[in-house]
N, C-alpha and C. Protein backbone atom coordinates (compact mmCIF):
# COMPACT_ATOMS: atom_id res chain seq x y z
N MET A 1 34.80 74.43 118.43
CA MET A 1 33.58 75.19 118.65
C MET A 1 33.22 75.17 120.13
N TYR A 2 32.54 76.20 120.55
CA TYR A 2 32.02 76.32 121.91
C TYR A 2 30.52 76.52 121.80
N TYR A 3 29.82 75.99 122.76
CA TYR A 3 28.36 76.02 122.71
C TYR A 3 27.77 76.58 124.00
N VAL A 4 26.70 77.33 123.84
CA VAL A 4 25.85 77.73 124.96
C VAL A 4 24.62 76.85 124.84
N TYR A 5 24.18 76.30 125.96
CA TYR A 5 23.05 75.38 125.92
C TYR A 5 22.08 75.67 127.05
N ILE A 6 20.84 75.30 126.82
CA ILE A 6 19.81 75.36 127.85
C ILE A 6 19.22 73.96 127.93
N ILE A 7 19.16 73.43 129.16
CA ILE A 7 18.54 72.13 129.38
C ILE A 7 17.36 72.31 130.32
N LYS A 8 16.42 71.38 130.23
CA LYS A 8 15.22 71.43 131.06
C LYS A 8 15.04 70.08 131.73
N SER A 9 14.74 70.11 133.04
CA SER A 9 14.52 68.87 133.79
C SER A 9 13.07 68.43 133.67
N LYS A 10 12.80 67.20 134.04
CA LYS A 10 11.42 66.72 134.00
C LYS A 10 10.55 67.48 134.99
N GLU A 11 11.18 68.11 136.00
CA GLU A 11 10.43 68.91 136.97
C GLU A 11 10.15 70.32 136.46
N GLY A 12 10.66 70.65 135.26
CA GLY A 12 10.40 71.96 134.67
C GLY A 12 11.43 73.03 134.97
N ARG A 13 12.58 72.65 135.52
CA ARG A 13 13.65 73.61 135.82
C ARG A 13 14.55 73.77 134.60
N PHE A 14 15.11 74.97 134.43
CA PHE A 14 16.02 75.25 133.33
C PHE A 14 17.42 75.50 133.87
N TYR A 15 18.42 75.13 133.07
CA TYR A 15 19.81 75.41 133.40
C TYR A 15 20.50 75.87 132.13
N THR A 16 21.28 76.95 132.22
CA THR A 16 22.03 77.47 131.08
C THR A 16 23.51 77.32 131.37
N GLY A 17 24.25 76.81 130.39
CA GLY A 17 25.68 76.63 130.57
C GLY A 17 26.40 76.72 129.24
N SER A 18 27.72 76.47 129.28
CA SER A 18 28.52 76.46 128.05
C SER A 18 29.51 75.31 128.11
N THR A 19 29.90 74.82 126.94
CA THR A 19 30.77 73.66 126.85
C THR A 19 31.30 73.52 125.44
N GLN A 20 32.27 72.62 125.27
CA GLN A 20 32.75 72.28 123.92
C GLN A 20 32.05 71.02 123.41
N ASP A 21 31.41 70.26 124.29
CA ASP A 21 30.77 69.01 123.89
C ASP A 21 29.41 68.89 124.59
N ILE A 22 28.36 69.28 123.90
CA ILE A 22 27.02 69.31 124.51
C ILE A 22 26.56 67.92 124.94
N GLN A 23 26.74 66.92 124.10
CA GLN A 23 26.26 65.57 124.44
C GLN A 23 26.96 65.03 125.68
N LYS A 24 28.27 65.25 125.79
CA LYS A 24 29.01 64.81 126.97
C LYS A 24 28.51 65.55 128.21
N ARG A 25 28.31 66.86 128.07
CA ARG A 25 27.85 67.66 129.22
C ARG A 25 26.45 67.25 129.66
N LEU A 26 25.56 66.97 128.70
CA LEU A 26 24.21 66.53 129.03
C LEU A 26 24.26 65.21 129.79
N LEU A 27 25.11 64.31 129.35
CA LEU A 27 25.29 63.03 130.04
C LEU A 27 25.79 63.26 131.46
N GLN A 28 26.73 64.18 131.63
CA GLN A 28 27.24 64.49 132.97
C GLN A 28 26.14 65.03 133.87
N HIS A 29 25.28 65.89 133.34
CA HIS A 29 24.17 66.41 134.15
C HIS A 29 23.24 65.27 134.56
N ASN A 30 22.92 64.38 133.64
CA ASN A 30 21.99 63.29 133.94
C ASN A 30 22.59 62.21 134.83
N GLN A 31 23.90 62.01 134.75
CA GLN A 31 24.56 61.02 135.60
C GLN A 31 25.03 61.61 136.93
N LYS A 32 24.88 62.93 137.05
CA LYS A 32 25.25 63.65 138.27
C LYS A 32 26.71 63.39 138.64
N THR A 33 27.59 63.50 137.64
CA THR A 33 29.00 63.19 137.84
C THR A 33 29.83 64.32 138.43
N PHE A 34 29.27 65.53 138.52
CA PHE A 34 29.99 66.61 139.18
C PHE A 34 29.02 67.39 140.05
N LYS A 35 29.56 68.06 141.05
CA LYS A 35 28.70 68.82 141.96
C LYS A 35 28.17 70.05 141.24
N CYS A 36 26.87 70.11 141.19
CA CYS A 36 26.22 71.21 140.48
C CYS A 36 24.77 71.29 140.94
N TRP A 37 24.18 72.44 140.77
CA TRP A 37 22.78 72.67 141.13
C TRP A 37 21.86 71.67 140.42
N THR A 38 22.25 71.23 139.24
CA THR A 38 21.41 70.32 138.45
C THR A 38 21.26 68.95 139.08
N ASN A 39 22.10 68.59 140.03
CA ASN A 39 22.00 67.28 140.70
C ASN A 39 20.68 67.10 141.45
N ARG A 40 20.03 68.19 141.78
CA ARG A 40 18.77 68.11 142.53
C ARG A 40 17.58 67.69 141.67
N PHE A 41 17.76 67.70 140.36
CA PHE A 41 16.66 67.41 139.45
C PHE A 41 17.04 66.29 138.50
N ASN A 42 16.07 65.78 137.76
CA ASN A 42 16.27 64.58 136.97
C ASN A 42 15.86 64.72 135.51
N ASP A 43 16.39 63.81 134.70
CA ASP A 43 16.00 63.64 133.30
C ASP A 43 16.11 64.93 132.50
N TRP A 44 17.32 65.48 132.42
CA TRP A 44 17.57 66.71 131.69
C TRP A 44 17.52 66.47 130.19
N LYS A 45 16.90 67.40 129.47
CA LYS A 45 16.79 67.35 128.01
C LYS A 45 17.30 68.68 127.44
N LEU A 46 18.00 68.59 126.32
CA LEU A 46 18.48 69.80 125.65
C LEU A 46 17.31 70.47 124.96
N VAL A 47 17.10 71.76 125.24
CA VAL A 47 16.00 72.50 124.61
C VAL A 47 16.49 73.64 123.72
N TYR A 48 17.79 74.01 123.85
CA TYR A 48 18.31 75.11 123.03
C TYR A 48 19.83 75.08 123.04
N SER A 49 20.43 75.45 121.91
CA SER A 49 21.89 75.60 121.86
C SER A 49 22.28 76.59 120.77
N GLU A 50 23.45 77.20 120.95
CA GLU A 50 24.04 78.11 119.97
C GLU A 50 25.52 77.78 119.90
N ALA A 51 26.12 77.88 118.71
CA ALA A 51 27.54 77.60 118.51
C ALA A 51 28.34 78.89 118.33
N PHE A 52 29.57 78.88 118.84
CA PHE A 52 30.47 80.04 118.75
C PHE A 52 31.88 79.58 118.43
N GLN A 53 32.64 80.45 117.80
CA GLN A 53 34.02 80.14 117.45
C GLN A 53 34.95 80.17 118.66
N THR A 54 34.66 81.05 119.62
CA THR A 54 35.56 81.19 120.77
C THR A 54 34.82 81.00 122.08
N ARG A 55 35.58 80.63 123.10
CA ARG A 55 35.01 80.47 124.45
C ARG A 55 34.48 81.81 124.97
N THR A 56 35.20 82.86 124.67
CA THR A 56 34.80 84.20 125.12
C THR A 56 33.42 84.57 124.58
N GLU A 57 33.19 84.33 123.30
CA GLU A 57 31.88 84.61 122.70
C GLU A 57 30.79 83.80 123.39
N ALA A 58 31.07 82.54 123.65
CA ALA A 58 30.08 81.67 124.29
C ALA A 58 29.76 82.16 125.71
N LEU A 59 30.79 82.54 126.45
CA LEU A 59 30.56 83.01 127.82
C LEU A 59 29.78 84.32 127.85
N ILE A 60 30.04 85.20 126.91
CA ILE A 60 29.27 86.45 126.82
C ILE A 60 27.80 86.15 126.56
N ARG A 61 27.53 85.24 125.62
CA ARG A 61 26.14 84.89 125.30
C ARG A 61 25.49 84.18 126.47
N GLU A 62 26.23 83.31 127.16
CA GLU A 62 25.67 82.62 128.33
C GLU A 62 25.20 83.65 129.38
N LYS A 63 26.01 84.66 129.63
CA LYS A 63 25.63 85.70 130.59
C LYS A 63 24.38 86.45 130.12
N GLN A 64 24.30 86.74 128.82
CA GLN A 64 23.12 87.42 128.28
C GLN A 64 21.86 86.59 128.53
N ILE A 65 21.95 85.31 128.25
CA ILE A 65 20.78 84.43 128.42
C ILE A 65 20.41 84.33 129.89
N LYS A 66 21.39 84.22 130.77
CA LYS A 66 21.09 84.12 132.20
C LYS A 66 20.40 85.38 132.72
N LYS A 67 20.72 86.53 132.16
CA LYS A 67 20.07 87.78 132.58
C LYS A 67 18.61 87.83 132.16
N MET A 68 18.27 87.16 131.06
CA MET A 68 16.89 87.21 130.57
C MET A 68 16.02 86.09 131.13
N LYS A 69 16.57 85.25 131.98
CA LYS A 69 15.87 84.07 132.48
C LYS A 69 14.47 84.40 133.01
N GLY A 70 13.50 83.67 132.51
CA GLY A 70 12.13 83.85 132.95
C GLY A 70 11.37 84.90 132.16
N GLY A 71 12.08 85.72 131.43
CA GLY A 71 11.44 86.78 130.66
C GLY A 71 10.95 86.30 129.30
N ARG A 72 10.35 87.21 128.58
CA ARG A 72 9.78 86.90 127.27
C ARG A 72 10.83 86.38 126.30
N GLU A 73 12.02 86.99 126.28
CA GLU A 73 13.07 86.56 125.36
C GLU A 73 13.55 85.15 125.68
N PHE A 74 13.67 84.84 126.97
CA PHE A 74 14.07 83.49 127.39
C PHE A 74 13.02 82.47 126.94
N LYS A 75 11.77 82.81 127.14
CA LYS A 75 10.68 81.90 126.75
C LYS A 75 10.68 81.64 125.25
N LYS A 76 11.06 82.63 124.45
CA LYS A 76 11.16 82.44 123.01
C LYS A 76 12.25 81.41 122.70
N LEU A 77 13.38 81.51 123.39
CA LEU A 77 14.49 80.58 123.14
C LEU A 77 14.11 79.13 123.43
N VAL A 78 13.39 78.92 124.53
CA VAL A 78 13.09 77.56 124.95
C VAL A 78 11.73 77.07 124.47
N GLY A 79 11.03 77.91 123.73
CA GLY A 79 9.74 77.51 123.17
C GLY A 79 8.60 77.44 124.16
N SER A 80 8.66 78.28 125.19
CA SER A 80 7.56 78.29 126.19
C SER A 80 6.60 79.42 125.93
């Protein structure tokens, strides 16, 4: 399975990504184990995820979510 996820930092920032292992990826974001924009913020929490059969489906959905960022549809996903 492949997953699209949205995480939120304690500072209120959101990040959308995709992975095969959400828990491992969340740990990587919080431990800052790879160079990424998320390293600037702390205490990331998972606020949304969707599962897909293929990587292609997950990447398509990730792009859709990134396009709606900050809008009404995005706020519905993250419960804001």
